[in-house]
Structure formats: structure tokens, C-alpha cells
Amino acid sequence: MEDAQEIQDESSEAILDDASEDKQESRDEMLSRHRKEISQLQNKEIELKKAAAKGSKAEQKAKKKQVEEEISQLSAKLKEKHAEELASLGYNTKKENEKNNLENLVKAIAGVSVINQPDHAKPSKSTKRRGKRAQHEAAREQRIQEEQSNLISDRTIESERLEKKLEPFGLTINEIKPDGHCLYRAVEDQLAIFSGGLSPYTYQELRLMVAAYMRNHASEFLPFFFSENEEDDSDDSVAERFERYCQEVESTAAWGGQLELGALTHCLRKHIMIYSGSFPDVEMGKEYKSNNDTGTSDSSIRLSYHKHAFGLGEHYNSVVPI
């Protein structure tokens, strides 16, 4: 575990040093730095897990448990530091002030003073959009803080359940970078296995394919899109909002979910199996499946869905043979 320990020591110093930097930074700079520090911790966790994936199965299991404990300790320290810094913006992490805290964090992200101000004229469309984005970002920031507090138990339990589920099939997890492209990177990794080392499509090309398929088959996706976005109070039509969604799919690091998985299975004409340690497994594209004893085929795309990964949730990894 020496290599993993060295990485851990270096990451602890680097991330916590970053968290101690310039206390006079702006709101946007602080929130951006928080996201960067969390991303650094995610990347270090992947490095640690790769360093621990050596030796016998028993040794790997022991190393993996040690990595989980080390990352959890570092996560707790980072959470505490972030909470103190968010408090300087008027955001208090105590439960009794949860509603006001979220409102203050929304204002901070949108660049609005947290001090109460009188209402003025009706906000413009662009102002509404900025406010909506700020709301989503604030909810994400708050979710990160809440997830971190339960990180040790939830993530460990989920990981152990998934490991027990995959082991009888001779399968294990191949960690994918958690950068918003994880679904597409995981599929790219699977396609590389099928083709002997190099995927015919990059994750960026997969994004373009998904967006194009969704546009060309909008009638199949709009009902599901509308049900997931019915609280959107934008003045734009559903078609305009759907087009904006497709643009985000193809040109941003927007996280992929059920809609994108549905498009991928048809674009690639592949059966997709999604394993989870927190929810029942999900199959998509059954019409492309050729059954064997495991319920999948050699050409099935195998992914894992992680609700509690990295304290952010909703992460995908690639599932590969041991």
C-alpha cells in the first residue's frame, strides 16, 4: 500500500492547501475553487484505487477498504473547510436554516447580494435563466455537502453490494473519470474492449450521435423530456427547450441519464446492462440482446451506476471481466 499511501499524503496536502488559499476571493471564484478541489479529490481517489489493484484478491480488498477510509477522512476535512468558507457568503450549514441557506447560496452563485433587497421590475428571460441555473448549481452544492456527511457508510455499502453482485459473473469495475462525460467515457471504454483496444467512437462523437438521434426521433423523447422538466417555468416552447437540451448534450459536460442511454442503445444497436448497488439492475435495448447464461451477450455494453460515488452521486463506470 506504499504507493497508494504516498499518493494519499500528497493529495491531502495539495487539496487542503488549495482550500486554505485566498480568503478574499470573490463568490464565483470560491465556488469554482470548491468544484475544482472536489474534482481533484475524485481524481486522486481513482489514482489510489488503481494503485491498490495489485496483489491477491484478499490483498486488493484490504487495500480498497483502506483507500475508502483515507478518502473519507480527506473528504470530511474538505467539507469542513468548504462549510466555513460558504458561511462567509452568508450560507449556514445548520439544518434549521436549510431553506434560507439554499436561497442565499442561489444568490451567491448568481452574483446577487445575500442581503435582503426590495423587489423591482419583472425579471427578464435571461435573468430567469441565470436564476434557474443558479438554483440547480446551489442545489448541487448543497447535495455535495449533505452527501459528504454520509459518505463513508453510503458509498461503502453501495460498493460492497455491487462487488458481490458482479463477482459471480467474473466481472469488476473499471473506474471512469468523473468529469460529466462519465456515461460516454464508460461506453467508449466498452466499445474499445469489443474492438480489441480502440473504440470506433470517442466520447465526444458519442455525444454528437446521441444529440442527433434525439433530434431525429424527437417524438419518442419529448414525453419523457417533458415529464423530467415540467417544473421549468421558461416562456420558451417545449420544442425550443428540447433543442437547447440537445445542444447541451452535444457541446457541454452535461451528465447523461435515462434519455441519453435510450438514444445510445439505438445509435449503437447494442443491448446495455446497467448494474447498481443501490437500485435494481436496468436493461435497455433488449431487442439487440443475444442471451447467454448471464442474461447478456458478448456484445452487451455493461455499465455500473453509482448513486453515492465521490459524494456527488449519479456516476457511471465501465464493467469489465476480472
Protein backbone atom coordinates (compact mmCIF):
# COMPACT_ATOMS: atom_id res chain seq x y z
CA MET A 1 0.00 0.00 0.00
CA GLU A 2 3.10 2.23 -0.03
CA ASP A 3 2.32 3.73 -3.47
CA ALA A 4 -1.28 4.44 -2.52
CA GLN A 5 -0.17 5.96 0.79
CA GLU A 6 2.30 8.30 -0.97
CA ILE A 7 -0.41 9.47 -3.34
CA GLN A 8 -2.76 9.98 -0.40
CA ASP A 9 -0.23 12.06 1.54
CA GLU A 10 0.48 14.26 -1.46
CA SER A 11 -3.21 14.71 -2.28
CA SER A 12 -4.06 15.56 1.33
CA GLU A 13 -1.50 18.35 1.40
CA ALA A 14 -2.33 19.69 -2.06
CA ILE A 15 -6.10 19.74 -1.70
CA LEU A 16 -6.16 21.13 1.81
CA ASP A 17 -3.53 23.72 0.88
CA ASP A 18 -5.71 24.82 -2.03
CA ALA A 19 -8.68 25.06 0.32
CA SER A 20 -6.70 27.42 2.57
CA GLU A 21 -5.87 29.89 -0.20
CA ASP A 22 -7.05 33.46 -0.71
CA LYS A 23 -9.88 34.15 1.68
CA GLN A 24 -10.69 37.45 -0.04
CA GLU A 25 -11.65 35.80 -3.34
CA SER A 26 -15.00 36.57 -4.98
CA ARG A 27 -18.09 34.38 -4.63
CA ASP A 28 -17.73 32.89 -8.11
CA GLU A 29 -14.03 32.24 -7.55
CA MET A 30 -14.73 30.48 -4.27
CA LEU A 31 -17.45 28.24 -5.71
CA SER A 32 -15.30 27.48 -8.75
CA ARG A 33 -12.40 26.57 -6.48
CA HIS A 34 -14.65 24.30 -4.41
CA ARG A 35 -15.65 22.40 -7.53
CA LYS A 36 -12.01 22.17 -8.60
CA GLU A 37 -10.93 20.83 -5.19
CA ILE A 38 -13.71 18.22 -5.22
CA SER A 39 -12.66 17.20 -8.74
CA GLN A 40 -9.05 16.87 -7.57
CA LEU A 41 -10.18 14.60 -4.76
CA GLN A 42 -12.17 12.48 -7.23
CA ASN A 43 -9.13 12.09 -9.48
CA LYS A 44 -6.93 11.18 -6.52
CA GLU A 45 -9.42 8.52 -5.46
CA ILE A 46 -9.15 6.92 -8.90
CA GLU A 47 -5.33 7.00 -8.65
CA LEU A 48 -5.46 5.40 -5.21
CA LYS A 49 -7.81 2.65 -6.37
CA LYS A 50 -5.60 1.87 -9.35
CA ALA A 51 -2.55 1.74 -7.09
CA ALA A 52 -4.46 -0.62 -4.77
CA ALA A 53 -5.45 -3.00 -7.59
CA LYS A 54 -2.37 -5.19 -7.16
CA GLY A 55 -1.75 -8.48 -5.41
CA SER A 56 -4.17 -11.24 -4.48
CA LYS A 57 -7.92 -10.72 -4.28
CA ALA A 58 -7.75 -10.57 -0.47
CA GLU A 59 -4.94 -8.01 -0.59
CA GLN A 60 -6.81 -5.88 -3.11
CA LYS A 61 -9.93 -5.96 -0.94
CA ALA A 62 -7.98 -4.84 2.13
CA LYS A 63 -6.24 -2.08 0.18
CA LYS A 64 -9.52 -0.92 -1.30
CA LYS A 65 -11.07 -0.65 2.16
CA GLN A 66 -8.10 1.38 3.35
CA VAL A 67 -8.45 3.70 0.35
CA GLU A 68 -12.14 4.23 1.15
CA GLU A 69 -11.29 5.16 4.74
CA GLU A 70 -8.49 7.52 3.69
CA ILE A 71 -10.62 9.27 1.07
CA SER A 72 -13.50 9.58 3.53
CA GLN A 73 -11.23 11.31 6.06
CA LEU A 74 -9.93 13.71 3.42
CA SER A 75 -13.49 14.36 2.21
CA ALA A 76 -14.61 15.22 5.73
CA LYS A 77 -11.76 17.72 6.14
CA LEU A 78 -12.52 19.31 2.78
CA LYS A 79 -16.21 19.50 3.61
CA GLU A 80 -15.46 21.29 6.88
CA LYS A 81 -13.23 23.81 5.13
CA HIS A 82 -15.82 24.46 2.41
CA ALA A 83 -18.57 24.89 5.01
CA GLU A 84 -16.53 27.55 6.80
CA GLU A 85 -15.89 29.40 3.56
CA LEU A 86 -19.54 29.17 2.46
CA ALA A 87 -20.52 30.63 5.83
CA SER A 88 -18.58 33.76 4.89
CA LEU A 89 -21.05 34.18 1.98
CA GLY A 90 -23.99 34.08 4.37
CA TYR A 91 -24.57 30.35 3.86
CA ASN A 92 -25.01 28.45 7.12
CA THR A 93 -24.96 24.63 7.00
CA LYS A 94 -27.16 24.11 10.08
CA LYS A 95 -30.34 22.14 9.36
CA GLU A 96 -32.78 24.61 10.90
CA ASN A 97 -31.81 27.27 8.37
CA GLU A 98 -31.84 24.93 5.37
CA LYS A 99 -34.35 26.88 3.25
CA ASN A 100 -32.72 30.27 3.81
CA ASN A 101 -29.31 28.72 3.28
CA LEU A 102 -30.27 27.39 -0.14
CA GLU A 103 -31.74 30.76 -1.13
CA ASN A 104 -28.55 32.53 -0.04
CA LEU A 105 -26.40 30.06 -1.95
CA VAL A 106 -28.51 30.57 -5.09
CA LYS A 107 -27.94 34.32 -4.78
CA ALA A 108 -24.23 33.83 -4.23
CA ILE A 109 -23.87 31.69 -7.35
CA ALA A 110 -25.93 34.15 -9.38
CA GLY A 111 -23.77 37.01 -8.13
CA VAL A 112 -26.50 38.67 -6.06
CA SER A 113 -26.00 40.07 -2.56
CA VAL A 114 -27.30 37.84 0.22
CA ILE A 115 -28.66 40.94 1.98
CA ASN A 116 -32.41 41.37 1.50
CA GLN A 117 -33.28 43.84 -1.25
CA PRO A 118 -36.63 45.31 -2.35
CA ASP A 119 -38.39 43.81 -5.40
CA HIS A 120 -38.13 45.77 -8.63
CA ALA A 121 -39.37 45.28 -12.18
CA LYS A 122 -40.30 41.88 -13.61
CA PRO A 123 -37.09 39.95 -14.37
CA SER A 124 -36.13 39.35 -18.00
CA LYS A 125 -35.87 35.92 -19.66
CA SER A 126 -32.09 35.94 -19.36
CA THR A 127 -32.33 36.85 -15.68
CA LYS A 128 -34.78 34.00 -15.13
CA ARG A 129 -32.44 31.57 -16.89
CA ARG A 130 -29.47 32.71 -14.80
CA GLY A 131 -31.56 32.31 -11.67
CA LYS A 132 -32.65 28.83 -12.73
CA ARG A 133 -29.08 27.77 -13.43
CA ALA A 134 -28.02 29.24 -10.09
CA GLN A 135 -30.78 27.25 -8.36
CA HIS A 136 -29.58 23.99 -9.91
CA GLU A 137 -25.98 24.79 -9.06
CA ALA A 138 -26.88 25.70 -5.49
CA ALA A 139 -28.86 22.50 -5.06
CA ARG A 140 -25.86 20.58 -6.36
CA GLU A 141 -23.50 22.35 -3.94
CA GLN A 142 -25.87 21.62 -1.07
CA ARG A 143 -26.22 17.99 -2.15
CA ILE A 144 -22.44 17.65 -2.17
CA GLN A 145 -22.29 18.90 1.42
CA GLU A 146 -25.09 16.56 2.54
CA GLU A 147 -23.65 13.56 0.69
CA GLN A 148 -20.23 14.15 2.23
CA SER A 149 -21.70 13.77 5.73
CA ASN A 150 -22.96 10.26 4.86
CA LEU A 151 -20.10 9.43 2.53
CA ILE A 152 -18.46 6.63 4.49
CA SER A 153 -21.49 4.44 5.07
CA ASP A 154 -23.47 5.05 1.87
CA ARG A 155 -20.60 4.72 -0.58
CA THR A 156 -19.05 1.73 1.19
CA ILE A 157 -22.36 -0.13 1.37
CA GLU A 158 -23.12 0.57 -2.28
CA SER A 159 -19.63 -0.51 -3.36
CA GLU A 160 -19.76 -3.79 -1.39
CA ARG A 161 -23.22 -4.68 -2.72
CA LEU A 162 -22.13 -4.04 -6.30
CA GLU A 163 -18.95 -6.06 -5.84
CA LYS A 164 -20.93 -9.05 -4.51
CA LYS A 165 -23.35 -8.76 -7.43
CA LEU A 166 -20.63 -8.72 -10.10
CA GLU A 167 -18.21 -11.28 -8.65
CA PRO A 168 -20.28 -14.42 -9.54
CA PHE A 169 -20.22 -13.32 -13.20
CA GLY A 170 -16.45 -12.78 -13.15
CA LEU A 171 -16.90 -9.02 -13.54
CA THR A 172 -15.41 -5.99 -11.84
CA ILE A 173 -15.44 -2.18 -12.08
CA ASN A 174 -13.14 -0.17 -14.33
CA GLU A 175 -13.07 3.34 -12.83
CA ILE A 176 -14.04 6.15 -15.22
CA LYS A 177 -13.06 9.80 -14.82
CA PRO A 178 -15.89 11.73 -13.06
CA ASP A 179 -15.98 14.83 -15.27
CA GLY A 180 -19.57 14.97 -16.51
CA HIS A 181 -18.69 12.77 -19.51
CA CYS A 182 -18.63 9.57 -17.43
CA LEU A 183 -21.54 7.86 -19.23
CA TYR A 184 -19.99 8.44 -22.65
CA ARG A 185 -16.47 7.60 -21.48
CA ALA A 186 -17.77 4.34 -19.95
CA VAL A 187 -19.46 3.40 -23.23
CA GLU A 188 -16.28 4.34 -25.12
CA ASP A 189 -14.34 2.00 -22.80
CA GLN A 190 -16.77 -0.83 -23.54
CA LEU A 191 -16.54 -0.31 -27.29
CA ALA A 192 -12.74 -0.39 -27.02
CA ILE A 193 -12.99 -3.85 -25.42
CA PHE A 194 -15.19 -5.11 -28.27
CA SER A 195 -12.80 -3.80 -30.93
CA GLY A 196 -9.62 -5.03 -29.28
CA GLY A 197 -8.23 -1.84 -27.78
CA LEU A 198 -9.51 1.20 -29.67
CA SER A 199 -13.11 2.40 -29.68
CA PRO A 200 -14.59 3.33 -33.08
CA TYR A 201 -16.09 6.41 -31.39
CA THR A 202 -14.71 8.88 -28.89
CA TYR A 203 -16.89 10.12 -26.05
CA GLN A 204 -17.29 13.44 -27.90
CA GLU A 205 -18.51 11.63 -31.02
CA LEU A 206 -20.93 9.61 -28.92
CA ARG A 207 -22.37 12.86 -27.58
CA LEU A 208 -22.91 14.14 -31.14
CA MET A 209 -24.55 10.86 -32.14
CA VAL A 210 -26.90 10.94 -29.16
CA ALA A 211 -27.95 14.56 -29.79
CA ALA A 212 -28.56 13.86 -33.49
CA TYR A 213 -30.61 10.74 -32.72
CA MET A 214 -32.73 12.57 -30.16
CA ARG A 215 -33.43 15.39 -32.63
CA ASN A 216 -34.34 12.95 -35.41
CA HIS A 217 -36.64 10.96 -33.11
CA ALA A 218 -37.94 13.84 -31.00
CA SER A 219 -41.46 12.36 -30.77
CA GLU A 220 -40.01 9.37 -28.87
CA PHE A 221 -38.14 11.53 -26.37
CA LEU A 222 -40.34 14.61 -25.83
CA PRO A 223 -42.86 12.92 -23.45
CA PHE A 224 -40.02 11.78 -21.17
CA PHE A 225 -38.19 15.08 -21.52
CA PHE A 226 -41.33 16.99 -20.60
CA SER A 227 -42.01 14.83 -17.53
CA GLU A 228 -38.47 15.47 -16.28
CA ASN A 229 -38.61 19.21 -16.99
CA GLU A 230 -42.24 20.10 -16.22
CA GLU A 231 -41.19 22.50 -13.45
CA ASP A 232 -39.24 24.64 -15.94
CA ASP A 233 -41.07 28.00 -15.91
CA SER A 234 -39.36 29.25 -19.08
CA ASP A 235 -41.52 31.08 -21.63
CA ASP A 236 -39.95 29.00 -24.41
CA SER A 237 -41.92 26.20 -26.07
CA VAL A 238 -41.22 22.55 -25.22
CA ALA A 239 -39.61 22.14 -28.65
CA GLU A 240 -37.26 25.08 -28.00
CA ARG A 241 -36.31 23.74 -24.60
CA PHE A 242 -35.72 20.28 -26.07
CA GLU A 243 -33.44 21.75 -28.74
CA ARG A 244 -31.49 23.61 -26.05
CA TYR A 245 -31.20 20.31 -24.15
CA CYS A 246 -29.82 18.58 -27.26
CA GLN A 247 -27.29 21.38 -27.69
CA GLU A 248 -26.11 20.82 -24.12
CA VAL A 249 -25.79 17.09 -24.79
CA GLU A 250 -23.52 17.62 -27.78
CA SER A 251 -21.45 20.59 -26.63
CA THR A 252 -21.14 20.57 -22.82
CA ALA A 253 -20.19 18.20 -20.00
CA ALA A 254 -23.86 17.76 -19.04
CA TRP A 255 -24.37 14.48 -17.18
CA GLY A 256 -26.10 11.73 -19.19
CA GLY A 257 -29.03 9.73 -17.88
CA GLN A 258 -32.06 7.72 -18.97
CA LEU A 259 -32.78 9.71 -22.13
CA GLU A 260 -29.20 9.51 -23.35
CA LEU A 261 -28.97 5.78 -22.56
CA GLY A 262 -32.09 5.21 -24.64
CA ALA A 263 -30.52 7.05 -27.58
CA LEU A 264 -27.19 5.23 -27.20
CA THR A 265 -28.72 1.77 -27.36
CA HIS A 266 -30.35 2.60 -30.71
CA CYS A 267 -27.41 4.55 -32.13
CA LEU A 268 -25.07 1.65 -31.45
CA ARG A 269 -27.70 -1.10 -31.84
CA LYS A 270 -26.41 -2.58 -28.61
CA HIS A 271 -28.00 -4.16 -25.56
CA ILE A 272 -26.99 -2.14 -22.48
CA MET A 273 -26.93 -3.59 -18.95
CA ILE A 274 -26.62 -1.19 -16.03
CA TYR A 275 -25.65 -2.74 -12.68
CA SER A 276 -26.21 -0.94 -9.39
CA GLY A 277 -25.50 -1.49 -5.72
CA SER A 278 -28.37 0.80 -4.70
CA PHE A 279 -31.15 0.01 -7.19
CA PRO A 280 -32.37 -2.93 -9.31
CA ASP A 281 -30.31 -3.54 -12.44
CA VAL A 282 -31.64 -1.96 -15.63
CA GLU A 283 -31.65 -3.35 -19.17
CA MET A 284 -32.03 -1.23 -22.28
CA GLY A 285 -32.20 -2.28 -25.93
CA LYS A 286 -33.42 -5.82 -25.24
CA GLU A 287 -34.17 -6.19 -28.96
CA TYR A 288 -30.40 -6.14 -29.58
CA LYS A 289 -29.62 -8.82 -27.00
CA SER A 290 -28.46 -12.36 -27.74
CA ASN A 291 -28.98 -14.26 -24.49
CA ASN A 292 -26.46 -16.45 -22.73
CA ASP A 293 -26.29 -17.84 -19.20
CA THR A 294 -25.67 -14.43 -17.64
CA GLY A 295 -28.61 -12.75 -19.35
CA THR A 296 -26.30 -10.69 -21.54
CA SER A 297 -24.33 -11.34 -24.70
CA ASP A 298 -20.66 -10.95 -25.52
CA SER A 299 -21.54 -7.72 -27.31
CA SER A 300 -23.62 -6.26 -24.47
CA ILE A 301 -22.44 -2.94 -23.08
CA ARG A 302 -22.00 -3.33 -19.32
CA LEU A 303 -22.07 -0.24 -17.11
CA SER A 304 -22.38 0.39 -13.38
CA TYR A 305 -24.47 3.17 -11.88
CA HIS A 306 -23.25 4.73 -8.62
CA LYS A 307 -25.61 6.88 -6.58
CA HIS A 308 -23.06 7.74 -3.90
CA ALA A 309 -19.81 7.90 -5.85
CA PHE A 310 -17.44 10.69 -4.80
CA GLY A 311 -20.15 12.33 -2.68
CA LEU A 312 -21.72 13.65 -5.89
CA GLY A 313 -23.80 10.67 -6.91
CA GLU A 314 -25.00 9.68 -10.37
CA HIS A 315 -21.75 8.39 -11.77
CA TYR A 316 -21.16 5.67 -14.36
CA ASN A 317 -18.28 3.23 -14.59
CA SER A 318 -17.41 0.51 -17.09
CA VAL A 319 -17.92 -3.14 -16.05
CA VAL A 320 -15.20 -5.47 -17.33
CA PRO A 321 -14.08 -9.11 -16.91
CA ILE A 322 -11.83 -9.74 -13.89
